[in-house]
C-alpha atoms as a PDB file:
ATOM      1  CA  MET A   1     -16.270   1.486  -3.868  1.00  0.00           C
ATOM      2  CA  ALA A   2     -15.449   4.183  -6.352  1.00  0.00           C
ATOM      3  CA  LYS A   3     -13.509   3.330  -9.312  1.00  0.00           C
ATOM      4  CA  ILE A   4      -9.821   4.905  -9.516  1.00  0.00           C
ATOM      5  CA  GLN A   5     -10.551   7.353 -11.680  1.00  0.00           C
ATOM      6  CA  VAL A   6      -7.536   7.479 -14.796  1.00  0.00           C
ATOM      7  CA  LEU A   7      -6.673  10.145 -17.714  1.00  0.00           C
ATOM      8  CA  LEU A   8      -4.785   8.250 -19.984  1.00  0.00           C
ATOM      9  CA  VAL A   9      -2.184  10.225 -22.181  1.00  0.00           C
ATOM     10  CA  ASP A  10      -0.276   9.466 -25.259  1.00  0.00           C
ATOM     11  CA  ASP A  11       0.319  10.656 -28.441  1.00  0.00           C
ATOM     12  CA  HIS A  12       0.039   7.437 -30.375  1.00  0.00           C
ATOM     13  CA  GLN A  13      -3.896   7.085 -30.912  1.00  0.00           C
ATOM     14  CA  VAL A  14      -3.754   2.761 -31.819  1.00  0.00           C
ATOM     15  CA  VAL A  15      -1.516   2.596 -28.786  1.00  0.00           C
ATOM     16  CA  MET A  16      -3.832   4.698 -26.273  1.00  0.00           C
ATOM     17  CA  GLU A  17      -6.452   2.812 -27.212  1.00  0.00           C
ATOM     18  CA  GLY A  18      -5.115  -0.357 -26.582  1.00  0.00           C
ATOM     19  CA  PHE A  19      -4.325   0.683 -23.438  1.00  0.00           C
ATOM     20  CA  LYS A  20      -7.947   2.316 -23.114  1.00  0.00           C
ATOM     21  CA  ALA A  21      -9.552  -1.386 -23.976  1.00  0.00           C
ATOM     22  CA  ARG A  22      -7.182  -3.291 -21.372  1.00  0.00           C
ATOM     23  CA  LEU A  23      -7.853  -0.946 -18.267  1.00  0.00           C
ATOM     24  CA  ASP A  24     -11.951  -1.044 -19.826  1.00  0.00           C
ATOM     25  CA  ASN A  25     -12.148  -4.296 -18.444  1.00  0.00           C
ATOM     26  CA  GLU A  26     -10.989  -3.551 -15.311  1.00  0.00           C
ATOM     27  CA  SER A  27     -13.887  -3.582 -12.495  1.00  0.00           C
ATOM     28  CA  ASN A  28     -12.254  -1.048 -10.246  1.00  0.00           C
ATOM     29  CA  ILE A  29     -10.819   1.289 -13.064  1.00  0.00           C
ATOM     30  CA  GLU A  30     -12.394   3.770 -15.540  1.00  0.00           C
ATOM     31  CA  VAL A  31     -10.575   5.878 -18.079  1.00  0.00           C
ATOM     32  CA  ILE A  32     -12.935   9.060 -18.018  1.00  0.00           C
ATOM     33  CA  ALA A  33     -10.419  11.036 -20.726  1.00  0.00           C
ATOM     34  CA  THR A  34      -7.556  10.864 -22.849  1.00  0.00           C
ATOM     35  CA  ALA A  35      -5.229  13.317 -24.188  1.00  0.00           C
ATOM     36  CA  THR A  36      -2.237  13.489 -26.757  1.00  0.00           C
ATOM     37  CA  ASN A  37       0.119  15.463 -25.436  1.00  0.00           C
ATOM     38  CA  GLY A  38       0.992  17.279 -21.875  1.00  0.00           C
ATOM     39  CA  ALA A  39      -1.060  20.742 -22.499  1.00  0.00           C
ATOM     40  CA  ASP A  40      -4.158  18.954 -23.315  1.00  0.00           C
ATOM     41  CA  ALA A  41      -3.655  16.719 -20.291  1.00  0.00           C
ATOM     42  CA  LEU A  42      -3.353  19.601 -18.129  1.00  0.00           C
ATOM     43  CA  LYS A  43      -6.873  20.913 -19.592  1.00  0.00           C
ATOM     44  CA  ASN A  44      -8.444  17.695 -19.079  1.00  0.00           C
ATOM     45  CA  ALA A  45      -7.376  17.192 -15.456  1.00  0.00           C
ATOM     46  CA  GLU A  46      -8.746  20.478 -14.661  1.00  0.00           C
ATOM     47  CA  GLN A  47     -12.225  19.412 -16.535  1.00  0.00           C
ATOM     48  CA  TYR A  48     -12.273  15.771 -15.368  1.00  0.00           C
ATOM     49  CA  GLN A  49     -10.711  15.647 -12.202  1.00  0.00           C
ATOM     50  CA  PRO A  50      -8.990  12.698 -12.669  1.00  0.00           C
ATOM     51  CA  ASP A  51      -7.093  10.363  -9.590  1.00  0.00           C
ATOM     52  CA  VAL A  52      -4.342   8.980 -11.581  1.00  0.00           C
ATOM     53  CA  VAL A  53      -2.625  10.597 -15.219  1.00  0.00           C
ATOM     54  CA  LEU A  54      -1.006   7.292 -16.995  1.00  0.00           C
ATOM     55  CA  MET A  55       1.271   9.347 -19.301  1.00  0.00           C
ATOM     56  CA  ASP A  56       3.785   8.638 -21.938  1.00  0.00           C
ATOM     57  CA  ILE A  57       7.190  10.733 -21.893  1.00  0.00           C
ATOM     58  CA  SER A  58       7.926  11.844 -25.924  1.00  0.00           C
ATOM     59  CA  MET A  59       4.585  13.970 -26.865  1.00  0.00           C
ATOM     60  CA  PRO A  60       4.374  16.922 -29.171  1.00  0.00           C
ATOM     61  CA  GLU A  61       3.398  20.343 -27.542  1.00  0.00           C
ATOM     62  CA  MET A  62       4.522  19.361 -24.016  1.00  0.00           C
ATOM     63  CA  ASN A  63       6.392  16.390 -22.739  1.00  0.00           C
ATOM     64  CA  GLY A  64       5.435  13.634 -19.996  1.00  0.00           C
ATOM     65  CA  ILE A  65       8.328  15.489 -18.197  1.00  0.00           C
ATOM     66  CA  GLU A  66       7.559  19.033 -18.122  1.00  0.00           C
ATOM     67  CA  ALA A  67       3.681  17.751 -17.922  1.00  0.00           C
ATOM     68  CA  THR A  68       4.391  15.652 -14.403  1.00  0.00           C
ATOM     69  CA  ARG A  69       5.982  19.220 -13.253  1.00  0.00           C
ATOM     70  CA  HIS A  70       3.027  21.282 -14.247  1.00  0.00           C
ATOM     71  CA  PHE A  71       0.820  19.027 -12.331  1.00  0.00           C
ATOM     72  CA  ARG A  72       2.981  18.486  -9.418  1.00  0.00           C
ATOM     73  CA  GLN A  73       2.476  22.013  -9.082  1.00  0.00           C
ATOM     74  CA  HIS A  74      -1.544  22.577 -10.014  1.00  0.00           C
ATOM     75  CA  PHE A  75      -2.992  19.453  -9.442  1.00  0.00           C
ATOM     76  CA  PRO A  76      -0.864  18.133  -6.210  1.00  0.00           C
ATOM     77  CA  GLU A  77      -3.289  16.057  -5.388  1.00  0.00           C
ATOM     78  CA  ILE A  78      -3.038  14.224  -8.867  1.00  0.00           C
ATOM     79  CA  LYS A  79      -1.044  10.933  -9.140  1.00  0.00           C
ATOM     80  CA  VAL A  80       1.728  10.483 -12.206  1.00  0.00           C
ATOM     81  CA  LEU A  81       1.938   7.125 -13.329  1.00  0.00           C
ATOM     82  CA  ILE A  82       4.388   7.076 -16.485  1.00  0.00           C
ATOM     83  CA  LEU A  83       3.792   4.604 -18.924  1.00  0.00           C
ATOM     84  CA  THR A  84       6.927   4.589 -21.759  1.00  0.00           C
ATOM     85  CA  MET A  85       8.803   2.892 -23.572  1.00  0.00           C
ATOM     86  CA  HIS A  86      11.718   4.528 -22.328  1.00  0.00           C
ATOM     87  CA  ASP A  87      13.936   2.825 -19.634  1.00  0.00           C
ATOM     88  CA  ASN A  88      16.783   5.181 -19.864  1.00  0.00           C
ATOM     89  CA  ARG A  89      18.091   6.130 -16.988  1.00  0.00           C
ATOM     90  CA  GLU A  90      18.204   9.512 -16.991  1.00  0.00           C
ATOM     91  CA  TYR A  91      14.571   9.944 -18.045  1.00  0.00           C
ATOM     92  CA  ILE A  92      13.908   7.800 -15.215  1.00  0.00           C
ATOM     93  CA  LEU A  93      15.766  10.176 -12.674  1.00  0.00           C
ATOM     94  CA  GLN A  94      14.224  13.184 -13.986  1.00  0.00           C
ATOM     95  CA  VAL A  95      10.620  11.972 -14.021  1.00  0.00           C
ATOM     96  CA  MET A  96      10.442  10.884 -10.740  1.00  0.00           C
ATOM     97  CA  GLN A  97      12.667  14.540  -9.899  1.00  0.00           C
ATOM     98  CA  ALA A  98       9.459  16.272 -11.550  1.00  0.00           C
ATOM     99  CA  GLY A  99       7.145  14.336  -9.052  1.00  0.00           C
ATOM    100  CA  ALA A 100       6.059  11.364 -11.017  1.00  0.00           C
ATOM    101  CA  SER A 101       4.572   8.845  -8.406  1.00  0.00           C
ATOM    102  CA  GLY A 102       5.608   5.728 -10.629  1.00  0.00           C
ATOM    103  CA  TYR A 103       7.419   4.225 -13.719  1.00  0.00           C
ATOM    104  CA  ILE A 104       6.418   1.697 -15.768  1.00  0.00           C
ATOM    105  CA  LEU A 105       7.362   0.149 -19.351  1.00  0.00           C
ATOM    106  CA  LYS A 106       4.717  -0.220 -22.030  1.00  0.00           C
ATOM    107  CA  GLU A 107       5.403  -4.133 -21.945  1.00  0.00           C
ATOM    108  CA  VAL A 108       4.295  -4.681 -18.950  1.00  0.00           C
ATOM    109  CA  SER A 109       1.501  -7.227 -18.136  1.00  0.00           C
ATOM    110  CA  ALA A 110      -2.345  -5.671 -17.863  1.00  0.00           C
ATOM    111  CA  GLN A 111      -2.415  -6.823 -14.501  1.00  0.00           C
ATOM    112  CA  GLU A 112       0.838  -5.411 -13.390  1.00  0.00           C
ATOM    113  CA  MET A 113      -0.727  -1.681 -15.096  1.00  0.00           C
ATOM    114  CA  VAL A 114      -3.384  -2.164 -12.895  1.00  0.00           C
ATOM    115  CA  GLN A 115      -1.176  -3.097  -9.585  1.00  0.00           C
ATOM    116  CA  ALA A 116       0.577   0.245 -10.738  1.00  0.00           C
ATOM    117  CA  ILE A 117      -2.282   2.219 -11.083  1.00  0.00           C
ATOM    118  CA  GLU A 118      -3.723   1.116  -8.032  1.00  0.00           C
ATOM    119  CA  ALA A 119      -0.153   1.655  -5.915  1.00  0.00           C
ATOM    120  CA  VAL A 120       0.428   5.117  -6.789  1.00  0.00           C
ATOM    121  CA  HIS A 121      -3.499   5.957  -6.100  1.00  0.00           C
ATOM    122  CA  GLN A 122      -3.015   4.629  -2.799  1.00  0.00           C
ATOM    123  CA  GLY A 123      -0.036   7.425  -1.913  1.00  0.00           C
ATOM    124  CA  GLY A 124       2.614   4.827  -2.974  1.00  0.00           C
ATOM    125  CA  ARG A 125       5.242   4.410  -5.777  1.00  0.00           C
ATOM    126  CA  TYR A 126       5.662   1.681  -8.601  1.00  0.00           C
ATOM    127  CA  PHE A 127       8.426   0.829 -10.701  1.00  0.00           C
ATOM    128  CA  CYS A 128       8.235  -1.928 -12.977  1.00  0.00           C
ATOM    129  CA  ARG A 129      10.860  -4.803 -12.383  1.00  0.00           C
ATOM    130  CA  LEU A 130      13.225  -3.366 -15.679  1.00  0.00           C
ATOM    131  CA  VAL A 131      12.754   0.226 -14.282  1.00  0.00           C
ATOM    132  CA  ALA A 132      14.087  -0.646 -10.532  1.00  0.00           C
ATOM    133  CA  ASP A 133      16.810  -2.302 -11.889  1.00  0.00           C
ATOM    134  CA  THR A 134      17.864   0.317 -13.989  1.00  0.00           C
ATOM    135  CA  LEU A 135      16.980   2.389 -11.397  1.00  0.00           C
ATOM    136  CA  PHE A 136      19.129   1.299  -8.773  1.00  0.00           C
ATOM    137  CA  ALA A 137      21.898  -0.542 -10.657  1.00  0.00           C
ATOM    138  CA  ALA A 138      24.264   2.153  -9.855  1.00  0.00           C
ATOM    139  CA  PRO A 139      24.245   5.103  -7.101  1.00  0.00           C
ATOM    140  CA  ILE A 140      21.966   7.555  -7.710  1.00  0.00           C
ATOM    141  CA  GLY A 141      24.379  10.886  -8.317  1.00  0.00           C
ATOM    142  CA  PRO A 142      23.791  14.456 -10.189  1.00  0.00           C
ATOM    143  CA  VAL A 143      22.796  13.882 -13.799  1.00  0.00           C
ATOM    144  CA  GLU A 144      24.532  15.481 -16.551  1.00  0.00           C
ATOM    145  CA  PRO A 145      23.191  18.861 -17.103  1.00  0.00           C
ATOM    146  CA  ALA A 146      22.577  18.406 -21.217  1.00  0.00           C
ATOM    147  CA  GLU A 147      21.015  14.968 -20.625  1.00  0.00           C
ATOM    148  CA  VAL A 148      18.977  16.863 -18.074  1.00  0.00           C
ATOM    149  CA  VAL A 149      17.863  19.775 -20.044  1.00  0.00           C
ATOM    150  CA  LEU A 150      17.812  17.841 -23.469  1.00  0.00           C
ATOM    151  CA  ALA A 151      14.635  15.471 -21.575  1.00  0.00           C
ATOM    152  CA  THR A 152      12.969  18.968 -20.946  1.00  0.00           C
ATOM    153  CA  LEU A 153      12.767  19.925 -24.027  1.00  0.00           C
ATOM    154  CA  SER A 154       9.787  19.499 -26.179  1.00  0.00           C
ATOM    155  CA  ARG A 155       9.313  17.671 -29.410  1.00  0.00           C
ATOM    156  CA  ARG A 156       8.617  21.066 -31.607  1.00  0.00           C
ATOM    157  CA  GLU A 157      11.975  22.410 -29.389  1.00  0.00           C
ATOM    158  CA  GLU A 158      13.978  19.796 -30.422  1.00  0.00           C
ATOM    159  CA  THR A 159      13.117  20.360 -34.363  1.00  0.00           C
ATOM    160  CA  VAL A 160      13.748  24.394 -33.967  1.00  0.00           C
ATOM    161  CA  LEU A 161      17.288  23.406 -32.190  1.00  0.00           C
ATOM    162  CA  ARG A 162      17.478  21.110 -35.124  1.00  0.00           C
ATOM    163  CA  GLN A 163      17.088  23.199 -37.909  1.00  0.00           C
ATOM    164  CA  VAL A 164      18.924  26.245 -35.822  1.00  0.00           C
ATOM    165  CA  ALA A 165      22.319  24.102 -35.737  1.00  0.00           C
ATOM    166  CA  LEU A 166      21.785  23.759 -39.280  1.00  0.00           C
ATOM    167  CA  GLY A 167      21.837  27.165 -39.410  1.00  0.00           C
ATOM    168  CA  LYS A 168      18.399  28.206 -40.834  1.00  0.00           C
ATOM    169  CA  SER A 169      16.734  31.598 -40.264  1.00  0.00           C
ATOM    170  CA  SER A 170      13.669  31.745 -37.964  1.00  0.00           C
ATOM    171  CA  LYS A 171      11.857  32.952 -40.719  1.00  0.00           C
ATOM    172  CA  ARG A 172      13.477  29.871 -42.869  1.00  0.00           C
ATOM    173  CA  ILE A 173      12.230  27.616 -39.773  1.00  0.00           C
ATOM    174  CA  ALA A 174       8.870  29.185 -39.648  1.00  0.00           C
ATOM    175  CA  MET A 175       8.236  28.725 -43.273  1.00  0.00           C
ATOM    176  CA  GLU A 176       9.506  25.213 -43.557  1.00  0.00           C
ATOM    177  CA  LEU A 177       7.626  24.000 -39.831  1.00  0.00           C
ATOM    178  CA  GLY A 178       4.078  26.065 -40.840  1.00  0.00           C
ATOM    179  CA  ILE A 179       4.142  28.303 -38.075  1.00  0.00           C
ATOM    180  CA  SER A 180       4.503  31.875 -37.364  1.00  0.00           C
ATOM    181  CA  THR A 181       7.997  33.244 -37.002  1.00  0.00           C
ATOM    182  CA  ARG A 182       7.004  35.059 -33.507  1.00  0.00           C
ATOM    183  CA  THR A 183       6.812  31.248 -32.823  1.00  0.00           C
ATOM    184  CA  VAL A 184      10.098  30.089 -33.385  1.00  0.00           C
ATOM    185  CA  GLU A 185      11.116  32.815 -32.064  1.00  0.00           C
ATOM    186  CA  THR A 186       9.689  32.025 -29.007  1.00  0.00           C
ATOM    187  CA  HIS A 187      10.857  28.148 -29.318  1.00  0.00           C
ATOM    188  CA  ARG A 188      14.103  30.079 -29.730  1.00  0.00           C
ATOM    189  CA  GLN A 189      14.190  31.714 -26.230  1.00  0.00           C
ATOM    190  CA  ASN A 190      12.345  28.644 -24.327  1.00  0.00           C
ATOM    191  CA  ILE A 191      15.522  26.388 -25.963  1.00  0.00           C
ATOM    192  CA  LYS A 192      18.170  29.009 -24.713  1.00  0.00           C
ATOM    193  CA  HIS A 193      16.159  29.279 -21.437  1.00  0.00           C
ATOM    194  CA  LYS A 194      16.619  25.646 -20.682  1.00  0.00           C
ATOM    195  CA  LEU A 195      19.763  24.901 -21.914  1.00  0.00           C
ATOM    196  CA  ASN A 196      21.568  28.102 -19.992  1.00  0.00           C
ATOM    197  CA  MET A 197      22.825  29.045 -23.205  1.00  0.00           C
ATOM    198  CA  ASN A 198      22.645  32.677 -24.991  1.00  0.00           C
ATOM    199  CA  SER A 199      23.916  32.163 -29.117  1.00  0.00           C
ATOM    200  CA  THR A 200      23.041  30.421 -31.858  1.00  0.00           C
ATOM    201  CA  ALA A 201      26.891  29.045 -31.728  1.00  0.00           C
ATOM    202  CA  GLU A 202      26.339  27.460 -28.243  1.00  0.00           C
ATOM    203  CA  LEU A 203      23.077  26.090 -29.378  1.00  0.00           C
ATOM    204  CA  THR A 204      25.152  24.442 -32.390  1.00  0.00           C
ATOM    205  CA  ALA A 205      27.560  22.679 -30.544  1.00  0.00           C
ATOM    206  CA  TYR A 206      25.229  21.554 -28.108  1.00  0.00           C
ATOM    207  CA  ALA A 207      22.908  20.149 -31.095  1.00  0.00           C
ATOM    208  CA  VAL A 208      26.160  18.206 -32.335  1.00  0.00           C
ATOM    209  CA  LYS A 209      27.327  16.831 -29.019  1.00  0.00           C
ATOM    210  CA  GLU A 210      23.740  15.703 -28.503  1.00  0.00           C
ATOM    211  CA  ASN A 211      24.105  13.925 -32.110  1.00  0.00           C
ATOM    212  CA  LEU A 212      21.059  16.053 -33.210  1.00  0.00           C
ATOM    213  CA  ILE A 213      22.410  16.634 -36.709  1.00  0.00           C
END
């Protein structure tokens, strides 16, 4: 029987190596590639064509929610299983709406991780018990817009938003982050687009409301 080929994605190298070591002991699973952010995960998926992507949410450059949307659009045959420490209901809803097939927490046993991989590989869905309890404890309704968009911002975009809210210019932010002014401007435009806002004042008010500063 062919092994289930897995792409493992996490920005914490030690954590990722630990999960890889767990899965390397399984006779029916093979970790064929790893990545440390969503963008690299998409590149590796194109190269290695895994069956299942086992992916964290909080990562630099491109987070797991945004990456899941890209996977659904560009690699619909690849199943995405979220492996994270976040048990927040809004995160769970956002990831599932983005197209993930399952959601488990990093605290699950190696046996349950394998069960989850097998389940999504076979076309099913899988939630660990705590996630299921969180997800179905209350009626599923619309998610607050602010929470929705905040979850879609990359870590870099959150950093830029925080600096903008502190009143810093794009040039100053670029110097402090070691990136070009043009890149900062691109991040600002992307943030405005995702938050559906048009002015710095709106971004500042949003950052204060979300306790980013």
